[in-house]
Amino acid sequence: MATEAGTYSPPESPTPPAGSQRPGTSGNDSGSALHERLVRRKLFESSITAIAFVVIFAIFGIWLGSSFLNVPARLLDVHQNTPALLLALAALATLVPGKFDLSISGVATLSCFMVIGLRAHQGWPFPAVIAAAIAIGVLVGLVNGFVVERLRVDAFIATLGTGGICTGLAAAYSGGTLLTATPDQPQLPNWFVSLGDFTHKAPSWLIYLALPVAAATIFFALDHVRPPSWPQRRWVAAKIIFLIVVAALLTFVLRLSQWVSGISWMILLLLVASLFLYVVIEYTTYGRHLRAIGSNRSAASLAGVNVRRQVVKAFVMGGVFSALAGITLAAAQGSANPDAAGSLLLPAFAAAFLSTVVLSHGRFTVPGTIVGGVCVVWIGLALIIAGVVLMKD
């Protein structure tokens, strides 16, 4: 308004009514509080299954004592179930983009027969044997991808068929009998036999070198559950304290040194394969494409993702992991049985689907797959030990 001096002063802002708030203050505060509650709820819900496993293990530990809380025995369980856990990773590779691959057990069986047969019966050099086994996984993955994406056949039906073909080829190759190397035939290399032997341990320094990487991964992964109201310094301090507490528990309660010194070469192979798949899914553009396809295939396509190509790659990756499972099965058994990996199909998918509720909120994850699969194995063994104890009593 004009003044006597001829200057202009802006009109005074009207006084807001009592009880009202300026825009951008109350709304932001309530939005932050709501977001923080949602983050806490999401964290709690994703931790329920892990907490349940801890409680179950505590009950078995108190009840069964050293017969269950035995580090070498529990590591032996993981070693023996490495092929099944690798198959779980193979299933995970196609579950992320929303496809089922039921051929993984057939590929593992055929790869197992190829490792034993091509070496013992055909006398192939062992590097060529391993390459042939991996090539089987790649070939079957390409066939699955072509049939599913190009011919538009349902993945459940298509992969069930290719898995049956692989199992049939393995049976035809061996004549439906056990395949093994006789003393007068070329033998499996000593390093390969050692891979399947639990008594041959991986160097502890390799594991200790990986621990800082794991700690850094957890440190940055915790940012997904950061409360919005916490300042950066407070949140960093909380993460550091959390890692220190976890390190103390691992060292003094869970006897970390015994776990590290007891890891076999096969378990180390499982950890390396898991780390590779984890990095691919969580930290690469290809992994983000797979997540997008699994969430909404049409939206991913509209966003410029080559959906068909990425899904075919997922089937190939699943085939490679299946072949790796067959190779470890051959190393562990030293022979190949008809439908050697058939019984591993359901446990593999059980571990993969458990990942959606183990430290996750409905997403397929590599850590959840390994943790869920191992926990199921340990609970099954605990029930067996409990049954023996009850029979003795």
Protein backbone atom coordinates (compact mmCIF):
# COMPACT_ATOMS: atom_id res chain seq x y z
CA MET A 1 0.00 0.00 0.00
CA ALA A 2 1.15 3.64 -0.55
CA THR A 3 2.58 5.67 2.38
CA GLU A 4 2.91 9.42 2.98
CA ALA A 5 6.57 9.36 1.81
CA GLY A 6 5.45 7.98 -1.51
CA THR A 7 7.07 4.59 -0.93
CA TYR A 8 5.39 1.25 -1.18
CA SER A 9 5.22 -1.36 1.53
CA PRO A 10 3.77 -4.79 0.89
CA PRO A 11 0.56 -5.64 2.67
CA GLU A 12 0.95 -7.44 5.92
CA SER A 13 0.36 -11.13 5.82
CA PRO A 14 -2.87 -12.07 7.50
CA THR A 15 -2.47 -13.78 10.82
CA PRO A 16 -3.31 -17.46 10.42
CA PRO A 17 -6.23 -18.69 12.43
CA ALA A 18 -5.49 -20.29 15.75
CA GLY A 19 -4.65 -23.96 15.47
CA SER A 20 -3.55 -23.74 11.84
CA GLN A 21 0.02 -24.49 10.66
CA ARG A 22 2.11 -23.05 7.91
CA PRO A 23 2.26 -25.18 4.77
CA GLY A 24 5.27 -27.46 4.61
CA THR A 25 5.80 -27.76 8.37
CA SER A 26 3.15 -29.94 9.91
CA GLY A 27 2.63 -31.89 6.70
CA ASN A 28 6.33 -32.71 6.36
CA ASP A 29 6.61 -33.68 10.02
CA SER A 30 3.62 -36.01 9.86
CA GLY A 31 4.89 -37.47 6.57
CA SER A 32 8.31 -38.16 8.07
CA ALA A 33 6.75 -39.75 11.14
CA LEU A 34 4.55 -41.94 8.94
CA HIS A 35 7.52 -42.97 6.80
CA GLU A 36 9.54 -43.80 9.89
CA ARG A 37 6.75 -46.00 11.23
CA LEU A 38 6.52 -47.76 7.88
CA VAL A 39 10.28 -48.38 7.86
CA ARG A 40 10.16 -49.83 11.37
CA ARG A 41 7.19 -52.01 10.50
CA LYS A 42 8.90 -53.23 7.33
CA LEU A 43 12.07 -54.04 9.28
CA PHE A 44 10.11 -55.95 11.91
CA GLU A 45 8.09 -57.92 9.38
CA SER A 46 11.17 -58.88 7.37
CA SER A 47 12.90 -60.06 10.57
CA ILE A 48 10.11 -62.24 11.96
CA THR A 49 11.23 -65.42 10.19
CA ALA A 50 14.88 -64.89 11.13
CA ILE A 51 13.87 -64.30 14.75
CA ALA A 52 11.76 -67.47 14.66
CA PHE A 53 14.76 -69.46 13.41
CA VAL A 54 16.93 -68.05 16.21
CA VAL A 55 14.33 -68.99 18.81
CA ILE A 56 14.02 -72.52 17.38
CA PHE A 57 17.80 -72.96 17.40
CA ALA A 58 17.97 -71.69 20.98
CA ILE A 59 15.35 -74.23 22.07
CA PHE A 60 17.17 -77.08 20.35
CA GLY A 61 20.49 -75.88 21.75
CA ILE A 62 19.19 -75.86 25.32
CA TRP A 63 17.46 -79.22 24.86
CA LEU A 64 20.06 -81.15 22.87
CA GLY A 65 23.21 -79.42 24.08
CA SER A 66 26.50 -80.29 22.41
CA SER A 67 24.90 -82.91 20.17
CA PHE A 68 23.31 -80.03 18.25
CA LEU A 69 25.64 -77.12 19.09
CA ASN A 70 28.50 -78.81 17.29
CA VAL A 71 30.29 -76.57 14.81
CA PRO A 72 32.00 -79.30 12.71
CA ALA A 73 28.75 -81.28 12.46
CA ARG A 74 26.76 -78.24 11.36
CA LEU A 75 29.39 -77.32 8.77
CA LEU A 76 29.27 -80.91 7.52
CA ASP A 77 25.52 -80.46 7.00
CA VAL A 78 26.18 -77.37 4.86
CA HIS A 79 28.93 -79.19 2.94
CA GLN A 80 26.66 -82.13 2.14
CA ASN A 81 23.84 -79.83 1.03
CA THR A 82 25.97 -77.57 -1.17
CA PRO A 83 24.53 -79.05 -4.41
CA ALA A 84 20.99 -78.34 -3.19
CA LEU A 85 21.90 -74.77 -2.24
CA LEU A 86 23.51 -74.20 -5.65
CA LEU A 87 20.30 -75.48 -7.21
CA ALA A 88 18.42 -72.98 -5.05
CA LEU A 89 20.55 -70.21 -6.56
CA ALA A 90 19.75 -71.59 -10.01
CA ALA A 91 16.03 -71.42 -9.23
CA LEU A 92 16.47 -67.90 -7.85
CA ALA A 93 18.04 -66.68 -11.10
CA THR A 94 14.74 -67.17 -12.95
CA LEU A 95 12.37 -66.49 -10.07
CA VAL A 96 13.60 -62.89 -9.85
CA PRO A 97 12.19 -62.06 -13.34
CA GLY A 98 9.06 -64.06 -12.51
CA LYS A 99 9.75 -67.39 -14.24
CA PHE A 100 9.90 -70.99 -13.03
CA ASP A 101 12.73 -73.27 -14.14
CA LEU A 102 11.92 -76.88 -13.27
CA SER A 103 14.73 -78.22 -15.45
CA ILE A 104 17.44 -77.39 -12.92
CA SER A 105 17.49 -80.86 -11.34
CA GLY A 106 17.61 -82.53 -14.77
CA VAL A 107 20.53 -80.33 -15.83
CA ALA A 108 22.38 -81.11 -12.60
CA THR A 109 21.82 -84.85 -13.10
CA LEU A 110 23.05 -84.79 -16.71
CA SER A 111 26.08 -82.67 -15.78
CA CYS A 112 26.94 -85.09 -12.98
CA PHE A 113 26.84 -88.02 -15.45
CA MET A 114 28.93 -86.12 -17.98
CA VAL A 115 31.65 -85.38 -15.42
CA ILE A 116 31.98 -89.05 -14.44
CA GLY A 117 31.34 -90.60 -17.86
CA LEU A 118 33.43 -88.31 -20.07
CA ARG A 119 36.39 -88.72 -17.73
CA ALA A 120 36.17 -92.41 -16.85
CA HIS A 121 34.66 -93.91 -20.01
CA GLN A 122 35.75 -91.55 -22.77
CA GLY A 123 39.03 -90.45 -21.19
CA TRP A 124 38.57 -86.75 -21.89
CA PRO A 125 40.99 -84.24 -20.30
CA PHE A 126 39.35 -82.95 -17.17
CA PRO A 127 39.25 -79.27 -18.19
CA ALA A 128 37.31 -80.36 -21.29
CA VAL A 129 35.00 -82.40 -19.06
CA ILE A 130 34.20 -79.37 -16.87
CA ALA A 131 33.69 -77.21 -19.97
CA ALA A 132 31.29 -79.80 -21.43
CA ALA A 133 29.29 -79.92 -18.18
CA ILE A 134 28.99 -76.11 -18.10
CA ALA A 135 28.09 -76.09 -21.80
CA ILE A 136 25.15 -78.39 -21.05
CA GLY A 137 23.79 -75.80 -18.62
CA VAL A 138 24.25 -73.00 -21.15
CA LEU A 139 22.59 -75.01 -23.94
CA VAL A 140 19.58 -76.01 -21.85
CA GLY A 141 19.22 -72.42 -20.64
CA LEU A 142 19.18 -71.17 -24.23
CA VAL A 143 16.59 -73.78 -25.18
CA ASN A 144 14.42 -72.85 -22.20
CA GLY A 145 14.68 -69.16 -23.00
CA PHE A 146 13.82 -69.71 -26.68
CA VAL A 147 10.83 -71.93 -25.93
CA VAL A 148 9.47 -69.64 -23.22
CA GLU A 149 10.14 -66.23 -24.79
CA ARG A 150 9.95 -66.92 -28.52
CA LEU A 151 7.47 -69.79 -28.73
CA ARG A 152 5.39 -68.39 -25.83
CA VAL A 153 5.18 -71.72 -24.01
CA ASP A 154 4.45 -71.49 -20.30
CA ALA A 155 7.72 -71.69 -18.37
CA PHE A 156 6.33 -74.28 -15.97
CA ILE A 157 5.49 -76.68 -18.81
CA ALA A 158 8.52 -75.92 -20.99
CA THR A 159 11.14 -76.38 -18.29
CA LEU A 160 9.41 -79.47 -16.93
CA GLY A 161 9.79 -80.96 -20.40
CA THR A 162 13.45 -80.00 -20.86
CA GLY A 163 14.26 -81.27 -17.38
CA GLY A 164 12.67 -84.61 -18.22
CA ILE A 165 14.69 -84.78 -21.45
CA CYS A 166 17.93 -84.15 -19.52
CA THR A 167 17.10 -86.86 -17.02
CA GLY A 168 16.25 -89.26 -19.86
CA LEU A 169 19.53 -88.49 -21.65
CA ALA A 170 21.45 -89.21 -18.46
CA ALA A 171 19.66 -92.53 -18.05
CA ALA A 172 20.29 -93.45 -21.69
CA TYR A 173 23.97 -92.54 -21.41
CA SER A 174 24.48 -94.73 -18.35
CA GLY A 175 22.07 -97.49 -19.32
CA GLY A 176 19.99 -96.67 -16.24
CA THR A 177 22.73 -97.86 -13.87
CA LEU A 178 25.28 -96.38 -11.51
CA LEU A 179 28.17 -94.75 -13.33
CA THR A 180 31.59 -94.81 -11.69
CA ALA A 181 35.26 -95.12 -12.55
CA THR A 182 36.80 -98.60 -12.26
CA PRO A 183 40.48 -98.99 -11.28
CA ASP A 184 41.55 -99.63 -14.90
CA GLN A 185 39.88 -96.42 -16.15
CA PRO A 186 41.05 -92.77 -15.95
CA GLN A 187 40.38 -91.46 -12.46
CA LEU A 188 39.06 -88.13 -11.29
CA PRO A 189 41.84 -85.62 -10.45
CA ASN A 190 42.95 -85.48 -6.83
CA TRP A 191 42.01 -81.78 -6.53
CA PHE A 192 38.49 -82.59 -7.69
CA VAL A 193 38.15 -85.43 -5.18
CA SER A 194 39.44 -83.07 -2.48
CA LEU A 195 36.74 -80.58 -3.45
CA GLY A 196 34.09 -83.08 -2.37
CA ASP A 197 35.95 -84.17 0.76
CA PHE A 198 34.92 -82.34 3.92
CA THR A 199 38.26 -83.04 5.58
CA HIS A 200 40.06 -80.79 3.09
CA LYS A 201 39.62 -77.25 4.42
CA ALA A 202 39.98 -73.95 2.64
CA PRO A 203 42.70 -71.60 3.96
CA SER A 204 41.34 -69.55 6.82
CA TRP A 205 43.03 -66.38 5.57
CA LEU A 206 40.80 -66.44 2.50
CA ILE A 207 37.74 -66.29 4.71
CA TYR A 208 39.15 -63.58 6.94
CA LEU A 209 39.92 -61.49 3.85
CA ALA A 210 36.26 -61.72 2.88
CA LEU A 211 34.97 -60.62 6.29
CA PRO A 212 35.72 -56.88 5.77
CA VAL A 213 33.87 -57.06 2.45
CA ALA A 214 30.88 -58.64 4.20
CA ALA A 215 31.00 -55.99 6.94
CA ALA A 216 31.09 -53.18 4.37
CA THR A 217 28.16 -54.72 2.50
CA ILE A 218 26.09 -54.90 5.69
CA PHE A 219 27.15 -51.36 6.62
CA PHE A 220 25.75 -49.88 3.41
CA ALA A 221 22.77 -52.27 3.22
CA LEU A 222 21.52 -50.95 6.57
CA ASP A 223 20.77 -47.63 4.89
CA HIS A 224 17.57 -49.21 3.55
CA VAL A 225 16.11 -49.18 7.08
CA ARG A 226 17.43 -45.81 8.22
CA PRO A 227 14.81 -43.82 10.17
CA PRO A 228 14.15 -40.57 8.26
CA SER A 229 14.35 -38.45 11.41
CA TRP A 230 17.87 -39.61 12.30
CA PRO A 231 20.72 -37.29 11.24
CA GLN A 232 23.62 -38.73 9.25
CA ARG A 233 26.15 -38.72 12.11
CA ARG A 234 23.78 -40.45 14.49
CA TRP A 235 22.93 -43.11 11.89
CA VAL A 236 26.60 -43.81 11.07
CA ALA A 237 27.40 -44.15 14.77
CA ALA A 238 24.45 -46.55 15.21
CA LYS A 239 25.65 -48.70 12.29
CA ILE A 240 29.18 -48.85 13.70
CA ILE A 241 27.89 -49.87 17.13
CA PHE A 242 25.67 -52.52 15.51
CA LEU A 243 28.62 -54.02 13.60
CA ILE A 244 30.76 -54.03 16.76
CA VAL A 245 28.04 -55.87 18.68
CA VAL A 246 27.61 -58.40 15.86
CA ALA A 247 31.38 -58.96 15.68
CA ALA A 248 31.50 -59.52 19.45
CA LEU A 249 28.65 -62.03 19.30
CA LEU A 250 30.27 -63.89 16.41
CA THR A 251 33.64 -64.01 18.13
CA PHE A 252 32.76 -64.81 21.74
CA VAL A 253 29.33 -66.49 21.54
CA LEU A 254 29.17 -68.23 18.17
CA ARG A 255 32.93 -69.06 18.10
CA LEU A 256 33.69 -67.52 14.72
CA SER A 257 37.21 -68.97 14.57
CA GLN A 258 35.83 -72.53 14.64
CA TRP A 259 33.44 -71.76 11.79
CA VAL A 260 36.17 -70.16 9.68
CA SER A 261 38.70 -72.95 10.24
CA GLY A 262 36.07 -75.61 9.44
CA ILE A 263 34.97 -74.28 6.04
CA SER A 264 35.67 -76.81 3.28
CA TRP A 265 36.52 -76.02 -0.33
CA MET A 266 32.99 -76.88 -1.41
CA ILE A 267 31.46 -74.47 1.10
CA LEU A 268 33.88 -71.81 -0.11
CA LEU A 269 32.74 -72.49 -3.67
CA LEU A 270 29.15 -71.99 -2.53
CA LEU A 271 30.03 -68.68 -0.87
CA VAL A 272 31.84 -67.43 -3.99
CA ALA A 273 28.92 -68.42 -6.25
CA SER A 274 26.48 -66.73 -3.87
CA LEU A 275 28.55 -63.56 -3.80
CA PHE A 276 28.69 -63.50 -7.59
CA LEU A 277 24.93 -63.85 -7.98
CA TYR A 278 24.30 -61.32 -5.21
CA VAL A 279 26.46 -58.70 -6.94
CA VAL A 280 24.81 -59.40 -10.30
CA ILE A 281 21.27 -59.03 -8.96
CA GLU A 282 21.77 -56.16 -6.54
CA TYR A 283 24.51 -54.00 -8.06
CA THR A 284 24.34 -54.28 -11.85
CA THR A 285 22.06 -52.81 -14.48
CA TYR A 286 21.16 -56.32 -15.57
CA GLY A 287 20.03 -57.16 -12.04
CA ARG A 288 17.85 -54.06 -11.91
CA HIS A 289 16.33 -55.08 -15.21
CA LEU A 290 15.49 -58.51 -13.78
CA ARG A 291 13.86 -56.87 -10.74
CA ALA A 292 11.85 -54.59 -13.00
CA ILE A 293 10.69 -57.50 -15.17
CA GLY A 294 9.65 -59.48 -12.12
CA SER A 295 7.72 -56.52 -10.70
CA ASN A 296 5.94 -55.46 -13.90
CA ARG A 297 6.93 -56.95 -17.23
CA SER A 298 4.89 -54.48 -19.31
CA ALA A 299 6.24 -51.44 -17.47
CA ALA A 300 9.81 -52.73 -17.86
CA SER A 301 9.27 -53.13 -21.59
CA LEU A 302 7.84 -49.62 -21.88
CA ALA A 303 10.87 -48.31 -19.98
CA GLY A 304 13.16 -49.66 -22.69
CA VAL A 305 14.23 -52.98 -21.18
CA ASN A 306 14.74 -55.78 -23.72
CA VAL A 307 12.60 -58.18 -21.73
CA ARG A 308 13.05 -61.26 -23.88
CA ARG A 309 16.82 -61.01 -24.00
CA GLN A 310 17.14 -60.45 -20.26
CA VAL A 311 14.87 -63.40 -19.43
CA VAL A 312 16.86 -65.66 -21.78
CA LYS A 313 20.03 -64.59 -19.97
CA ALA A 314 18.36 -65.50 -16.67
CA PHE A 315 17.61 -68.99 -17.95
CA VAL A 316 21.21 -69.37 -19.11
CA MET A 317 22.49 -68.21 -15.72
CA GLY A 318 20.18 -70.70 -14.01
CA GLY A 319 21.50 -73.45 -16.31
CA VAL A 320 25.11 -72.62 -15.42
CA PHE A 321 24.35 -72.77 -11.68
CA SER A 322 22.52 -76.07 -12.22
CA ALA A 323 25.54 -77.49 -14.04
CA LEU A 324 27.75 -76.29 -11.18
CA ALA A 325 25.47 -78.15 -8.76
CA GLY A 326 25.90 -81.32 -10.85
CA ILE A 327 29.69 -80.89 -10.83
CA THR A 328 29.77 -80.57 -7.03
CA LEU A 329 27.48 -83.60 -6.79
CA ALA A 330 29.98 -85.62 -8.81
CA ALA A 331 32.81 -84.39 -6.60
CA ALA A 332 30.95 -85.32 -3.41
CA GLN A 333 29.82 -88.78 -4.55
CA GLY A 334 32.59 -89.81 -6.94
CA SER A 335 29.87 -91.46 -9.02
CA ALA A 336 26.58 -90.69 -10.75
CA ASN A 337 23.25 -92.23 -9.80
CA PRO A 338 20.13 -92.25 -12.01
CA ASP A 339 18.20 -89.02 -11.33
CA ALA A 340 20.95 -88.01 -8.91
CA ALA A 341 19.58 -84.52 -8.36
CA GLY A 342 15.87 -85.29 -8.60
CA SER A 343 15.38 -85.24 -4.84
CA LEU A 344 17.00 -81.79 -4.61
CA LEU A 345 14.38 -79.94 -6.66
CA LEU A 346 11.83 -79.26 -3.91
CA PRO A 347 14.41 -78.28 -1.25
CA ALA A 348 15.97 -75.89 -3.76
CA PHE A 349 12.68 -74.13 -4.45
CA ALA A 350 11.84 -74.14 -0.74
CA ALA A 351 15.07 -72.28 0.00
CA ALA A 352 14.46 -69.82 -2.84
CA PHE A 353 10.93 -69.00 -1.67
CA LEU A 354 12.07 -68.74 1.94
CA SER A 355 14.26 -65.85 0.83
CA THR A 356 11.13 -63.72 0.42
CA VAL A 357 10.52 -63.81 4.19
CA VAL A 358 14.06 -64.13 5.60
CA LEU A 359 15.46 -60.62 6.07
CA SER A 360 13.36 -59.54 3.11
CA HIS A 361 9.98 -58.00 2.44
CA GLY A 362 8.63 -60.13 -0.36
CA ARG A 363 11.70 -60.02 -2.63
CA PHE A 364 13.81 -62.96 -3.76
CA THR A 365 17.32 -62.47 -2.36
CA VAL A 366 20.56 -64.42 -2.41
CA PRO A 367 21.35 -64.09 1.33
CA GLY A 368 17.82 -65.14 2.23
CA THR A 369 18.10 -68.19 -0.02
CA ILE A 370 21.32 -69.40 1.60
CA VAL A 371 20.24 -68.58 5.16
CA GLY A 372 16.78 -70.09 4.67
CA GLY A 373 18.13 -73.25 3.03
CA VAL A 374 20.74 -73.79 5.74
CA CYS A 375 18.22 -73.17 8.53
CA VAL A 376 15.80 -75.73 7.08
CA VAL A 377 18.64 -78.28 6.87
CA TRP A 378 19.67 -77.66 10.47
CA ILE A 379 16.11 -77.86 11.76
CA GLY A 380 15.64 -81.18 9.97
CA LEU A 381 18.85 -82.54 11.50
CA ALA A 382 17.82 -81.24 14.93
CA LEU A 383 14.54 -83.13 14.69
CA ILE A 384 16.43 -86.30 13.81
CA ILE A 385 18.80 -85.82 16.76
CA ALA A 386 15.81 -85.13 19.03
CA GLY A 387 14.15 -88.34 17.86
CA VAL A 388 17.27 -90.33 18.69
CA VAL A 389 17.44 -88.73 22.12
CA LEU A 390 13.80 -89.55 22.83
CA MET A 391 14.32 -93.17 21.73
CA LYS A 392 17.27 -93.48 24.10
CA ASP A 393 15.20 -92.12 26.95
